[in-house]
Amino acid sequence: MAAFDLQEQEQIATLKAWWQSWGQWLALAIAAFLIGFAAWTGWQKYQHGQIVKAAEVYAQIEANLAEDGKFKAGVALLKSDYSATPYAARAALIAAKLSYLKGDAATARSELQWVIDHSKEGALRDSARLRMASILQEDKKYTEALALMKAPEEEGFSPLFAELRGDIYQAKGELAAAADAYRQAITKLPKDAPNYKLVEIKLDVLGGK
């Protein structure tokens, strides 16, 4: 029994010595972990709250499409206070479309540029780049349009990018480059795609197969 007590005392002494050496650091490590976990949890709650609020503003925007003042105010609010949410870029795309339909190409380009610069979703950025390049083409700013399309796009957008490049090259009079772009589009398009036949016609007009 005495031997057991002695062994137990030695273990306790060893534990005390270890705690004196490392206990403070262990306590600090645990405290740091708990603080970090609390911060992470708080950030997650904050992000969720931001998305919920942004969704509410976006719903109001969709309901106020015909009321220009309220619509613009909603878009501005999303871009300023909720720019990190998916709704800000979607609202900017709607604003770009409405501005373009009203003949305000400058505002449309500004909204599209905002999406390109701020959206975290590749599909939205590619959609904005396509629309921007199309507007630049209409303004005969072919070099700017092609430069905008140089960055790699998501696979699903490749046929659309190739077709638009073909349109731009054709407008520039670079028919060989246009034909190559149309061939790329046809290769990447499924045959039941709505624009498949149209791209074929564009290529046929250039005398390419």
N, C-alpha and C. Protein backbone atom coordinates (compact mmCIF):
# COMPACT_ATOMS: atom_id res chain seq x y z
N MET A 1 0.84 -1.20 0.00
CA MET A 1 0.00 0.00 0.00
C MET A 1 0.87 1.25 0.00
N ALA A 2 1.96 1.20 0.82
CA ALA A 2 2.87 2.34 0.90
C ALA A 2 3.57 2.56 -0.42
N ALA A 3 3.93 1.41 -1.07
CA ALA A 3 4.59 1.51 -2.38
C ALA A 3 3.65 2.14 -3.39
N PHE A 4 2.35 1.74 -3.31
CA PHE A 4 1.37 2.31 -4.23
C PHE A 4 1.22 3.81 -4.00
N ASP A 5 1.19 4.20 -2.70
CA ASP A 5 1.07 5.62 -2.39
C ASP A 5 2.28 6.39 -2.90
N LEU A 6 3.46 5.77 -2.75
CA LEU A 6 4.68 6.43 -3.22
C LEU A 6 4.66 6.61 -4.73
N GLN A 7 4.21 5.55 -5.42
CA GLN A 7 4.13 5.63 -6.89
C GLN A 7 3.12 6.69 -7.32
N GLU A 8 2.00 6.73 -6.61
CA GLU A 8 0.97 7.72 -6.92
C GLU A 8 1.48 9.13 -6.67
N GLN A 9 2.24 9.30 -5.57
CA GLN A 9 2.79 10.61 -5.26
C GLN A 9 3.79 11.05 -6.33
N GLU A 10 4.58 10.06 -6.81
CA GLU A 10 5.54 10.39 -7.86
C GLU A 10 4.83 10.84 -9.14
N GLN A 11 3.73 10.17 -9.46
CA GLN A 11 2.96 10.55 -10.65
C GLN A 11 2.37 11.94 -10.50
N ILE A 12 1.87 12.22 -9.29
CA ILE A 12 1.30 13.54 -9.03
C ILE A 12 2.39 14.61 -9.13
N ALA A 13 3.56 14.30 -8.58
CA ALA A 13 4.67 15.25 -8.64
C ALA A 13 5.09 15.50 -10.08
N THR A 14 5.12 14.42 -10.87
CA THR A 14 5.49 14.56 -12.28
C THR A 14 4.46 15.42 -13.01
N LEU A 15 3.19 15.18 -12.71
CA LEU A 15 2.12 15.95 -13.35
C LEU A 15 2.21 17.42 -12.96
N LYS A 16 2.50 17.68 -11.68
CA LYS A 16 2.64 19.07 -11.24
C LYS A 16 3.79 19.76 -11.95
N ALA A 17 4.90 19.01 -12.07
CA ALA A 17 6.07 19.60 -12.75
C ALA A 17 5.74 19.91 -14.20
N TRP A 18 5.04 18.96 -14.84
CA TRP A 18 4.66 19.18 -16.25
C TRP A 18 3.74 20.39 -16.37
N TRP A 19 2.80 20.49 -15.44
CA TRP A 19 1.84 21.60 -15.50
C TRP A 19 2.54 22.94 -15.28
N GLN A 20 3.51 22.94 -14.37
CA GLN A 20 4.25 24.18 -14.14
C GLN A 20 5.01 24.61 -15.39
N SER A 21 5.48 23.60 -16.15
CA SER A 21 6.25 23.92 -17.36
C SER A 21 5.36 24.26 -18.54
N TRP A 22 4.27 23.50 -18.70
CA TRP A 22 3.46 23.61 -19.92
C TRP A 22 2.01 24.02 -19.69
N GLY A 23 1.60 24.03 -18.44
CA GLY A 23 0.18 24.30 -18.17
C GLY A 23 -0.29 25.65 -18.68
N GLN A 24 0.55 26.67 -18.49
CA GLN A 24 0.17 28.02 -18.93
C GLN A 24 0.00 28.07 -20.44
N TRP A 25 0.95 27.41 -21.15
CA TRP A 25 0.87 27.41 -22.62
C TRP A 25 -0.35 26.63 -23.09
N LEU A 26 -0.66 25.53 -22.40
CA LEU A 26 -1.83 24.74 -22.76
C LEU A 26 -3.10 25.55 -22.56
N ALA A 27 -3.16 26.26 -21.45
CA ALA A 27 -4.34 27.09 -21.17
C ALA A 27 -4.49 28.18 -22.22
N LEU A 28 -3.35 28.78 -22.61
CA LEU A 28 -3.40 29.81 -23.64
C LEU A 28 -3.85 29.24 -24.98
N ALA A 29 -3.36 28.02 -25.29
CA ALA A 29 -3.75 27.39 -26.55
C ALA A 29 -5.24 27.09 -26.58
N ILE A 30 -5.76 26.59 -25.46
CA ILE A 30 -7.19 26.29 -25.38
C ILE A 30 -8.00 27.59 -25.50
N ALA A 31 -7.53 28.62 -24.82
CA ALA A 31 -8.23 29.91 -24.88
C ALA A 31 -8.23 30.45 -26.30
N ALA A 32 -7.07 30.33 -26.98
CA ALA A 32 -6.99 30.82 -28.36
C ALA A 32 -7.93 30.04 -29.27
N PHE A 33 -8.01 28.72 -29.04
CA PHE A 33 -8.92 27.91 -29.85
C PHE A 33 -10.36 28.33 -29.63
N LEU A 34 -10.73 28.52 -28.36
CA LEU A 34 -12.11 28.90 -28.06
C LEU A 34 -12.45 30.27 -28.64
N ILE A 35 -11.49 31.19 -28.56
CA ILE A 35 -11.73 32.52 -29.14
C ILE A 35 -11.88 32.43 -30.65
N GLY A 36 -10.98 31.63 -31.28
CA GLY A 36 -11.06 31.45 -32.73
C GLY A 36 -12.36 30.80 -33.15
N PHE A 37 -12.79 29.80 -32.40
CA PHE A 37 -14.04 29.11 -32.73
C PHE A 37 -15.22 30.06 -32.58
N ALA A 38 -15.20 30.85 -31.53
CA ALA A 38 -16.29 31.81 -31.31
C ALA A 38 -16.32 32.84 -32.44
N ALA A 39 -15.12 33.29 -32.86
CA ALA A 39 -15.05 34.27 -33.95
C ALA A 39 -15.57 33.67 -35.24
N TRP A 40 -15.18 32.41 -35.51
CA TRP A 40 -15.63 31.74 -36.73
C TRP A 40 -17.14 31.58 -36.73
N THR A 41 -17.68 31.15 -35.58
CA THR A 41 -19.13 30.97 -35.46
C THR A 41 -19.84 32.31 -35.65
N GLY A 42 -19.28 33.35 -35.03
CA GLY A 42 -19.88 34.68 -35.19
C GLY A 42 -19.85 35.16 -36.63
N TRP A 43 -18.75 34.88 -37.33
CA TRP A 43 -18.62 35.28 -38.73
C TRP A 43 -19.63 34.54 -39.60
N GLN A 44 -19.81 33.24 -39.31
CA GLN A 44 -20.79 32.46 -40.06
C GLN A 44 -22.20 33.03 -39.87
N LYS A 45 -22.52 33.37 -38.64
CA LYS A 45 -23.84 33.95 -38.36
C LYS A 45 -24.00 35.30 -39.07
N TYR A 46 -22.93 36.08 -39.05
CA TYR A 46 -22.96 37.39 -39.72
C TYR A 46 -23.19 37.23 -41.21
N GLN A 47 -22.44 36.30 -41.84
CA GLN A 47 -22.60 36.08 -43.27
C GLN A 47 -24.01 35.62 -43.61
N HIS A 48 -24.54 34.71 -42.80
CA HIS A 48 -25.91 34.23 -43.04
C HIS A 48 -26.89 35.39 -42.93
N GLY A 49 -26.69 36.23 -41.91
CA GLY A 49 -27.58 37.38 -41.75
C GLY A 49 -27.50 38.33 -42.93
N GLN A 50 -26.28 38.54 -43.45
CA GLN A 50 -26.11 39.40 -44.61
C GLN A 50 -26.84 38.85 -45.83
N ILE A 51 -26.75 37.54 -46.03
CA ILE A 51 -27.40 36.92 -47.19
C ILE A 51 -28.92 37.04 -47.07
N VAL A 52 -29.44 36.82 -45.87
CA VAL A 52 -30.89 36.93 -45.66
C VAL A 52 -31.36 38.36 -45.94
N LYS A 53 -30.63 39.35 -45.43
CA LYS A 53 -31.01 40.75 -45.67
C LYS A 53 -30.89 41.10 -47.15
N ALA A 54 -29.83 40.61 -47.79
CA ALA A 54 -29.64 40.89 -49.22
C ALA A 54 -30.75 40.27 -50.05
N ALA A 55 -31.20 39.08 -49.65
CA ALA A 55 -32.29 38.42 -50.37
C ALA A 55 -33.57 39.24 -50.27
N GLU A 56 -33.79 39.84 -49.12
CA GLU A 56 -34.98 40.69 -48.94
C GLU A 56 -34.91 41.92 -49.84
N VAL A 57 -33.73 42.54 -49.90
CA VAL A 57 -33.57 43.72 -50.77
C VAL A 57 -33.74 43.33 -52.23
N TYR A 58 -33.18 42.18 -52.60
CA TYR A 58 -33.28 41.72 -53.99
C TYR A 58 -34.73 41.46 -54.38
N ALA A 59 -35.49 40.88 -53.45
CA ALA A 59 -36.91 40.64 -53.72
C ALA A 59 -37.65 41.97 -53.95
N GLN A 60 -37.28 42.98 -53.17
CA GLN A 60 -37.89 44.31 -53.36
C GLN A 60 -37.51 44.90 -54.71
N ILE A 61 -36.27 44.67 -55.13
CA ILE A 61 -35.81 45.16 -56.44
C ILE A 61 -36.65 44.54 -57.55
N GLU A 62 -36.84 43.23 -57.49
CA GLU A 62 -37.63 42.55 -58.52
C GLU A 62 -39.06 43.06 -58.54
N ALA A 63 -39.57 43.45 -57.37
CA ALA A 63 -40.94 43.95 -57.29
C ALA A 63 -41.04 45.40 -57.77
N ASN A 64 -39.90 46.09 -57.82
CA ASN A 64 -39.90 47.52 -58.17
C ASN A 64 -39.23 47.80 -59.51
N LEU A 65 -39.25 46.84 -60.42
CA LEU A 65 -38.60 47.03 -61.72
C LEU A 65 -39.17 48.23 -62.47
N ALA A 66 -40.45 48.48 -62.29
CA ALA A 66 -41.10 49.57 -63.02
C ALA A 66 -40.96 50.92 -62.30
N GLU A 67 -40.47 50.88 -61.06
CA GLU A 67 -40.31 52.13 -60.30
C GLU A 67 -38.82 52.47 -60.26
N ASP A 68 -38.40 53.32 -61.13
CA ASP A 68 -36.98 53.58 -61.36
C ASP A 68 -36.24 54.01 -60.10
N GLY A 69 -36.82 54.90 -59.33
CA GLY A 69 -36.15 55.40 -58.14
C GLY A 69 -35.90 54.31 -57.11
N LYS A 70 -36.94 53.54 -56.81
CA LYS A 70 -36.81 52.47 -55.82
C LYS A 70 -35.86 51.38 -56.33
N PHE A 71 -35.96 51.09 -57.62
CA PHE A 71 -35.09 50.07 -58.20
C PHE A 71 -33.63 50.47 -58.07
N LYS A 72 -33.30 51.68 -58.48
CA LYS A 72 -31.91 52.14 -58.41
C LYS A 72 -31.40 52.19 -56.98
N ALA A 73 -32.27 52.61 -56.06
CA ALA A 73 -31.87 52.67 -54.65
C ALA A 73 -31.55 51.28 -54.11
N GLY A 74 -32.37 50.30 -54.51
CA GLY A 74 -32.14 48.93 -54.07
C GLY A 74 -30.84 48.37 -54.61
N VAL A 75 -30.58 48.62 -55.88
CA VAL A 75 -29.33 48.14 -56.49
C VAL A 75 -28.12 48.79 -55.80
N ALA A 76 -28.21 50.09 -55.56
CA ALA A 76 -27.11 50.81 -54.90
C ALA A 76 -26.87 50.26 -53.50
N LEU A 77 -27.96 49.93 -52.78
CA LEU A 77 -27.83 49.39 -51.43
C LEU A 77 -27.14 48.04 -51.45
N LEU A 78 -27.52 47.18 -52.38
CA LEU A 78 -26.89 45.86 -52.47
C LEU A 78 -25.40 45.98 -52.78
N LYS A 79 -25.07 46.88 -53.68
CA LYS A 79 -23.67 47.03 -54.09
C LYS A 79 -22.81 47.65 -52.99
N SER A 80 -23.41 48.49 -52.15
CA SER A 80 -22.64 49.16 -51.10
C SER A 80 -22.57 48.36 -49.81
N ASP A 81 -23.70 47.79 -49.39
CA ASP A 81 -23.76 47.12 -48.09
C ASP A 81 -23.70 45.60 -48.16
N TYR A 82 -24.01 45.03 -49.31
CA TYR A 82 -24.07 43.57 -49.42
C TYR A 82 -23.30 43.08 -50.65
N SER A 83 -22.19 43.73 -50.94
CA SER A 83 -21.44 43.41 -52.17
C SER A 83 -20.88 42.00 -52.16
N ALA A 84 -20.67 41.42 -50.98
CA ALA A 84 -20.10 40.08 -50.90
C ALA A 84 -21.13 38.98 -51.13
N THR A 85 -22.40 39.34 -51.18
CA THR A 85 -23.45 38.34 -51.39
C THR A 85 -23.69 38.12 -52.88
N PRO A 86 -24.27 36.97 -53.25
CA PRO A 86 -24.54 36.70 -54.67
C PRO A 86 -25.58 37.65 -55.26
N TYR A 87 -26.38 38.29 -54.42
CA TYR A 87 -27.49 39.10 -54.92
C TYR A 87 -27.02 40.42 -55.53
N ALA A 88 -25.90 40.95 -55.07
CA ALA A 88 -25.43 42.25 -55.57
C ALA A 88 -25.11 42.17 -57.05
N ALA A 89 -24.37 41.14 -57.46
CA ALA A 89 -24.01 41.01 -58.87
C ALA A 89 -25.23 40.75 -59.73
N ARG A 90 -26.17 39.95 -59.22
CA ARG A 90 -27.39 39.68 -60.00
C ARG A 90 -28.21 40.95 -60.20
N ALA A 91 -28.27 41.77 -59.16
CA ALA A 91 -28.99 43.04 -59.28
C ALA A 91 -28.30 43.95 -60.29
N ALA A 92 -26.97 43.96 -60.28
CA ALA A 92 -26.23 44.80 -61.23
C ALA A 92 -26.46 44.33 -62.66
N LEU A 93 -26.58 43.02 -62.87
CA LEU A 93 -26.86 42.50 -64.21
C LEU A 93 -28.24 42.95 -64.69
N ILE A 94 -29.21 42.92 -63.79
CA ILE A 94 -30.55 43.39 -64.15
C ILE A 94 -30.49 44.88 -64.49
N ALA A 95 -29.77 45.64 -63.67
CA ALA A 95 -29.65 47.08 -63.91
C ALA A 95 -28.99 47.35 -65.26
N ALA A 96 -27.99 46.54 -65.60
CA ALA A 96 -27.30 46.71 -66.88
C ALA A 96 -28.26 46.45 -68.04
N LYS A 97 -29.06 45.41 -67.91
CA LYS A 97 -30.00 45.06 -68.98
C LYS A 97 -31.04 46.17 -69.18
N LEU A 98 -31.60 46.65 -68.07
CA LEU A 98 -32.62 47.70 -68.16
C LEU A 98 -32.03 48.99 -68.74
N SER A 99 -30.81 49.32 -68.31
CA SER A 99 -30.16 50.53 -68.84
C SER A 99 -29.92 50.40 -70.33
N TYR A 100 -29.49 49.23 -70.77
CA TYR A 100 -29.23 49.01 -72.19
C TYR A 100 -30.52 49.13 -73.00
N LEU A 101 -31.60 48.54 -72.48
CA LEU A 101 -32.88 48.60 -73.18
C LEU A 101 -33.40 50.03 -73.28
N LYS A 102 -33.00 50.86 -72.33
CA LYS A 102 -33.41 52.27 -72.36
C LYS A 102 -32.47 53.13 -73.21
N GLY A 103 -31.47 52.50 -73.80
CA GLY A 103 -30.53 53.23 -74.64
C GLY A 103 -29.37 53.86 -73.90
N ASP A 104 -29.22 53.51 -72.62
CA ASP A 104 -28.14 54.08 -71.80
C ASP A 104 -26.99 53.07 -71.74
N ALA A 105 -26.21 53.00 -72.80
CA ALA A 105 -25.13 52.01 -72.88
C ALA A 105 -24.03 52.29 -71.87
N ALA A 106 -23.79 53.55 -71.56
CA ALA A 106 -22.72 53.90 -70.62
C ALA A 106 -23.01 53.33 -69.23
N THR A 107 -24.25 53.50 -68.76
CA THR A 107 -24.62 52.95 -67.45
C THR A 107 -24.59 51.43 -67.49
N ALA A 108 -25.04 50.86 -68.59
CA ALA A 108 -25.00 49.40 -68.74
C ALA A 108 -23.57 48.89 -68.60
N ARG A 109 -22.64 49.55 -69.27
CA ARG A 109 -21.23 49.13 -69.18
C ARG A 109 -20.71 49.27 -67.75
N SER A 110 -21.11 50.34 -67.08
CA SER A 110 -20.67 50.56 -65.70
C SER A 110 -21.15 49.44 -64.78
N GLU A 111 -22.40 49.04 -64.93
CA GLU A 111 -22.96 47.96 -64.11
C GLU A 111 -22.26 46.64 -64.43
N LEU A 112 -22.03 46.38 -65.70
CA LEU A 112 -21.36 45.14 -66.10
C LEU A 112 -19.93 45.10 -65.58
N GLN A 113 -19.26 46.23 -65.61
CA GLN A 113 -17.89 46.28 -65.09
C GLN A 113 -17.87 46.00 -63.60
N TRP A 114 -18.89 46.47 -62.89
CA TRP A 114 -18.98 46.20 -61.46
C TRP A 114 -19.07 44.70 -61.21
N VAL A 115 -19.87 44.02 -62.01
CA VAL A 115 -20.00 42.56 -61.87
C VAL A 115 -18.66 41.88 -62.15
N ILE A 116 -18.00 42.29 -63.21
CA ILE A 116 -16.70 41.71 -63.57
C ILE A 116 -15.69 41.90 -62.44
N ASP A 117 -15.72 43.05 -61.81
CA ASP A 117 -14.73 43.38 -60.77
C ASP A 117 -15.06 42.77 -59.41
N HIS A 118 -16.34 42.54 -59.12
CA HIS A 118 -16.72 42.19 -57.75
C HIS A 118 -17.34 40.81 -57.57
N SER A 119 -17.94 40.25 -58.59
CA SER A 119 -18.63 38.97 -58.40
C SER A 119 -17.64 37.84 -58.14
N LYS A 120 -18.01 36.96 -57.21
CA LYS A 120 -17.19 35.79 -56.90
C LYS A 120 -17.62 34.58 -57.73
N GLU A 121 -18.67 34.74 -58.51
CA GLU A 121 -19.18 33.63 -59.32
C GLU A 121 -18.69 33.77 -60.76
N GLY A 122 -17.97 32.76 -61.21
CA GLY A 122 -17.42 32.79 -62.56
C GLY A 122 -18.48 32.93 -63.63
N ALA A 123 -19.61 32.27 -63.43
CA ALA A 123 -20.68 32.32 -64.44
C ALA A 123 -21.23 33.74 -64.59
N LEU A 124 -21.36 34.45 -63.48
CA LEU A 124 -21.86 35.82 -63.55
C LEU A 124 -20.83 36.74 -64.20
N ARG A 125 -19.56 36.53 -63.85
CA ARG A 125 -18.51 37.35 -64.48
C ARG A 125 -18.46 37.11 -65.99
N ASP A 126 -18.58 35.84 -66.40
CA ASP A 126 -18.56 35.53 -67.83
C ASP A 126 -19.77 36.11 -68.55
N SER A 127 -20.92 36.04 -67.90
CA SER A 127 -22.12 36.62 -68.49
C SER A 127 -21.94 38.13 -68.69
N ALA A 128 -21.35 38.79 -67.68
CA ALA A 128 -21.11 40.23 -67.78
C ALA A 128 -20.09 40.54 -68.87
N ARG A 129 -19.06 39.71 -68.98
CA ARG A 129 -18.05 39.95 -70.02
C ARG A 129 -18.65 39.81 -71.42
N LEU A 130 -19.50 38.81 -71.59
CA LEU A 130 -20.15 38.62 -72.89
C LEU A 130 -21.00 39.83 -73.27
N ARG A 131 -21.79 40.30 -72.32
CA ARG A 131 -22.67 41.43 -72.60
C ARG A 131 -21.85 42.70 -72.86
N MET A 132 -20.80 42.88 -72.07
CA MET A 132 -19.94 44.04 -72.26
C MET A 132 -19.27 44.00 -73.63
N ALA A 133 -18.74 42.83 -74.01
CA ALA A 133 -18.08 42.70 -75.31
C ALA A 133 -19.05 42.95 -76.45
N SER A 134 -20.30 42.52 -76.27
CA SER A 134 -21.31 42.75 -77.29
C SER A 134 -21.60 44.24 -77.47
N ILE A 135 -21.67 44.96 -76.34
CA ILE A 135 -21.89 46.41 -76.41
C ILE A 135 -20.70 47.10 -77.07
N LEU A 136 -19.50 46.67 -76.71
CA LEU A 136 -18.30 47.26 -77.32
C LEU A 136 -18.26 46.99 -78.82
N GLN A 137 -18.73 45.81 -79.21
CA GLN A 137 -18.78 45.49 -80.64
C GLN A 137 -19.73 46.45 -81.36
N GLU A 138 -20.88 46.69 -80.76
CA GLU A 138 -21.84 47.61 -81.36
C GLU A 138 -21.25 49.02 -81.51
N ASP A 139 -20.38 49.38 -80.56
CA ASP A 139 -19.73 50.69 -80.61
C ASP A 139 -18.48 50.67 -81.50
N LYS A 140 -18.26 49.54 -82.17
CA LYS A 140 -17.10 49.35 -83.06
C LYS A 140 -15.77 49.42 -82.31
N LYS A 141 -15.81 49.11 -81.04
CA LYS A 141 -14.58 49.05 -80.23
C LYS A 141 -14.10 47.59 -80.20
N TYR A 142 -13.70 47.12 -81.36
CA TYR A 142 -13.41 45.70 -81.53
C TYR A 142 -12.20 45.25 -80.71
N THR A 143 -11.17 46.05 -80.67
CA THR A 143 -9.96 45.66 -79.94
C THR A 143 -10.26 45.52 -78.45
N GLU A 144 -11.03 46.46 -77.90
CA GLU A 144 -11.41 46.38 -76.49
C GLU A 144 -12.26 45.15 -76.22
N ALA A 145 -13.17 44.87 -77.13
CA ALA A 145 -14.06 43.71 -76.96
C ALA A 145 -13.26 42.42 -76.94
N LEU A 146 -12.33 42.27 -77.87
CA LEU A 146 -11.53 41.05 -77.93
C LEU A 146 -10.61 40.94 -76.71
N ALA A 147 -10.08 42.06 -76.26
CA ALA A 147 -9.21 42.04 -75.07
C ALA A 147 -9.99 41.59 -73.84
N LEU A 148 -11.24 42.03 -73.75
CA LEU A 148 -12.09 41.65 -72.62
C LEU A 148 -12.35 40.15 -72.59
N MET A 149 -12.29 39.51 -73.75
CA MET A 149 -12.61 38.09 -73.85
C MET A 149 -11.38 37.19 -73.81
N LYS A 150 -10.22 37.76 -73.54
CA LYS A 150 -8.99 36.96 -73.54
C LYS A 150 -8.89 36.05 -72.32
N ALA A 151 -9.36 36.51 -71.18
CA ALA A 151 -9.27 35.70 -69.97
C ALA A 151 -10.08 34.42 -70.15
N PRO A 152 -9.59 33.29 -69.63
CA PRO A 152 -10.32 32.02 -69.79
C PRO A 152 -11.72 32.11 -69.20
N GLU A 153 -12.68 31.52 -69.90
CA GLU A 153 -14.05 31.51 -69.44
C GLU A 153 -14.42 30.12 -68.94
N GLU A 154 -15.52 30.02 -68.22
CA GLU A 154 -15.99 28.71 -67.78
C GLU A 154 -16.44 27.91 -69.00
N GLU A 155 -16.31 26.59 -68.89
CA GLU A 155 -16.54 25.72 -70.04
C GLU A 155 -17.90 25.92 -70.68
N GLY A 156 -18.92 26.11 -69.87
CA GLY A 156 -20.26 26.27 -70.42
C GLY A 156 -20.43 27.51 -71.27
N PHE A 157 -19.55 28.48 -71.09
CA PHE A 157 -19.63 29.73 -71.86
C PHE A 157 -18.76 29.71 -73.11
N SER A 158 -17.93 28.69 -73.26
CA SER A 158 -16.96 28.67 -74.37
C SER A 158 -17.61 28.82 -75.74
N PRO A 159 -18.72 28.11 -76.05
CA PRO A 159 -19.33 28.29 -77.37
C PRO A 159 -19.82 29.72 -77.61
N LEU A 160 -20.36 30.35 -76.58
CA LEU A 160 -20.86 31.72 -76.72
C LEU A 160 -19.71 32.70 -76.94
N PHE A 161 -18.62 32.49 -76.21
CA PHE A 161 -17.45 33.35 -76.40
C PHE A 161 -16.89 33.18 -77.81
N ALA A 162 -16.82 31.93 -78.27
CA ALA A 162 -16.28 31.67 -79.61
C ALA A 162 -17.16 32.31 -80.68
N GLU A 163 -18.48 32.18 -80.53
CA GLU A 163 -19.38 32.78 -81.53
C GLU A 163 -19.24 34.30 -81.57
N LEU A 164 -19.17 34.92 -80.39
CA LEU A 164 -19.05 36.37 -80.36
C LEU A 164 -17.70 36.82 -80.92
N ARG A 165 -16.65 36.06 -80.64
CA ARG A 165 -15.36 36.39 -81.25
C ARG A 165 -15.46 36.34 -82.77
N GLY A 166 -16.19 35.32 -83.27
CA GLY A 166 -16.40 35.24 -84.71
C GLY A 166 -17.12 36.45 -85.26
N ASP A 167 -18.15 36.90 -84.54
CA ASP A 167 -18.89 38.09 -84.97
C ASP A 167 -17.99 39.33 -85.01
N ILE A 168 -17.13 39.45 -84.00
CA ILE A 168 -16.25 40.62 -83.93
C ILE A 168 -15.21 40.58 -85.05
N TYR A 169 -14.61 39.41 -85.25
CA TYR A 169 -13.62 39.30 -86.33
C TYR A 169 -14.27 39.57 -87.69
N GLN A 170 -15.49 39.10 -87.87
CA GLN A 170 -16.18 39.35 -89.13
C GLN A 170 -16.42 40.85 -89.32
N ALA A 171 -16.83 41.52 -88.24
CA ALA A 171 -17.05 42.96 -88.32
C ALA A 171 -15.75 43.71 -88.63
N LYS A 172 -14.63 43.16 -88.17
CA LYS A 172 -13.33 43.78 -88.44
C LYS A 172 -12.82 43.47 -89.85
N GLY A 173 -13.48 42.52 -90.51
CA GLY A 173 -13.02 42.12 -91.83
C GLY A 173 -11.97 41.03 -91.80
N GLU A 174 -11.73 40.45 -90.62
CA GLU A 174 -10.76 39.35 -90.50
C GLU A 174 -11.52 38.03 -90.65
N LEU A 175 -11.82 37.68 -91.89
CA LEU A 175 -12.74 36.59 -92.16
C LEU A 175 -12.18 35.22 -91.81
N ALA A 176 -10.89 35.01 -91.99
CA ALA A 176 -10.29 33.72 -91.64
C ALA A 176 -10.39 33.48 -90.14
N ALA A 177 -10.09 34.52 -89.36
CA ALA A 177 -10.19 34.40 -87.90
C ALA A 177 -11.64 34.20 -87.48
N ALA A 178 -12.56 34.86 -88.18
CA ALA A 178 -13.98 34.69 -87.88
C ALA A 178 -14.41 33.25 -88.13
N ALA A 179 -13.99 32.69 -89.26
CA ALA A 179 -14.35 31.31 -89.59
C ALA A 179 -13.80 30.34 -88.55
N ASP A 180 -12.57 30.56 -88.12
CA ASP A 180 -11.97 29.69 -87.09
C ASP A 180 -12.78 29.75 -85.80
N ALA A 181 -13.20 30.95 -85.43
CA ALA A 181 -13.98 31.11 -84.19
C ALA A 181 -15.33 30.41 -84.30
N TYR A 182 -15.98 30.54 -85.46
CA TYR A 182 -17.26 29.86 -85.65
C TYR A 182 -17.10 28.34 -85.60
N ARG A 183 -16.00 27.84 -86.17
CA ARG A 183 -15.75 26.39 -86.12
C ARG A 183 -15.58 25.93 -84.66
N GLN A 184 -14.87 26.74 -83.88
CA GLN A 184 -14.71 26.40 -82.46
C GLN A 184 -16.06 26.36 -81.76
N ALA A 185 -16.91 27.33 -82.08
CA ALA A 185 -18.24 27.37 -81.46
C ALA A 185 -19.05 26.13 -81.83
N ILE A 186 -19.02 25.76 -83.11
CA ILE A 186 -19.78 24.59 -83.58
C ILE A 186 -19.27 23.32 -82.91
N THR A 187 -17.95 23.22 -82.75
CA THR A 187 -17.37 22.04 -82.11
C THR A 187 -17.84 21.89 -80.67
N LYS A 188 -18.02 23.01 -79.99
CA LYS A 188 -18.36 22.98 -78.58
C LYS A 188 -19.87 23.00 -78.32
N LEU A 189 -20.65 23.36 -79.33
CA LEU A 189 -22.10 23.43 -79.15
C LEU A 189 -22.76 22.06 -79.35
N PRO A 190 -23.71 21.69 -78.50
CA PRO A 190 -24.52 20.51 -78.80
C PRO A 190 -25.41 20.79 -80.01
N LYS A 191 -25.69 19.77 -80.80
CA LYS A 191 -26.41 20.00 -82.05
C LYS A 191 -27.84 20.48 -81.84
N ASP A 192 -28.37 20.27 -80.65
CA ASP A 192 -29.73 20.75 -80.38
C ASP A 192 -29.74 22.13 -79.71
N ALA A 193 -28.57 22.77 -79.64
CA ALA A 193 -28.51 24.12 -79.06
C ALA A 193 -29.27 25.10 -79.95
N PRO A 194 -29.96 26.07 -79.35
CA PRO A 194 -30.77 27.02 -80.13
C PRO A 194 -29.98 27.78 -81.19
N ASN A 195 -28.70 28.04 -80.92
CA ASN A 195 -27.91 28.85 -81.86
C ASN A 195 -27.00 28.01 -82.76
N TYR A 196 -27.14 26.69 -82.71
CA TYR A 196 -26.24 25.83 -83.51
C TYR A 196 -26.40 26.11 -85.00
N LYS A 197 -27.63 26.10 -85.49
CA LYS A 197 -27.87 26.33 -86.92
C LYS A 197 -27.43 27.73 -87.34
N LEU A 198 -27.65 28.70 -86.47
CA LEU A 198 -27.27 30.07 -86.78
C LEU A 198 -25.76 30.19 -86.98
N VAL A 199 -25.00 29.53 -86.11
CA VAL A 199 -23.54 29.57 -86.24
C VAL A 199 -23.11 28.87 -87.52
N GLU A 200 -23.79 27.78 -87.85
CA GLU A 200 -23.49 27.09 -89.12
C GLU A 200 -23.72 28.02 -90.31
N ILE A 201 -24.81 28.77 -90.27
CA ILE A 201 -25.11 29.71 -91.36
C ILE A 201 -24.03 30.78 -91.44
N LYS A 202 -23.61 31.29 -90.28
CA LYS A 202 -22.56 32.31 -90.26
C LYS A 202 -21.28 31.77 -90.91
N LEU A 203 -20.96 30.52 -90.61
CA LEU A 203 -19.76 29.92 -91.18
C LEU A 203 -19.93 29.69 -92.68
N ASP A 204 -21.12 29.25 -93.08
CA ASP A 204 -21.39 29.02 -94.51
C ASP A 204 -21.25 30.31 -95.31
N VAL A 205 -21.72 31.42 -94.74
CA VAL A 205 -21.64 32.71 -95.42
C VAL A 205 -20.18 33.07 -95.72
N LEU A 206 -19.30 32.63 -94.81
CA LEU A 206 -17.87 32.91 -95.01
C LEU A 206 -17.21 31.89 -95.93
N GLY A 207 -18.01 30.92 -96.37
CA GLY A 207 -17.47 29.90 -97.27
C GLY A 207 -16.67 28.83 -96.55
N GLY A 208 -16.86 28.72 -95.24
CA GLY A 208 -16.13 27.71 -94.48
C GLY A 208 -17.02 26.56 -94.09
N LYS A 209 -16.40 25.38 -93.94
CA LYS A 209 -17.14 24.19 -93.53
C LYS A 209 -16.44 23.53 -92.35
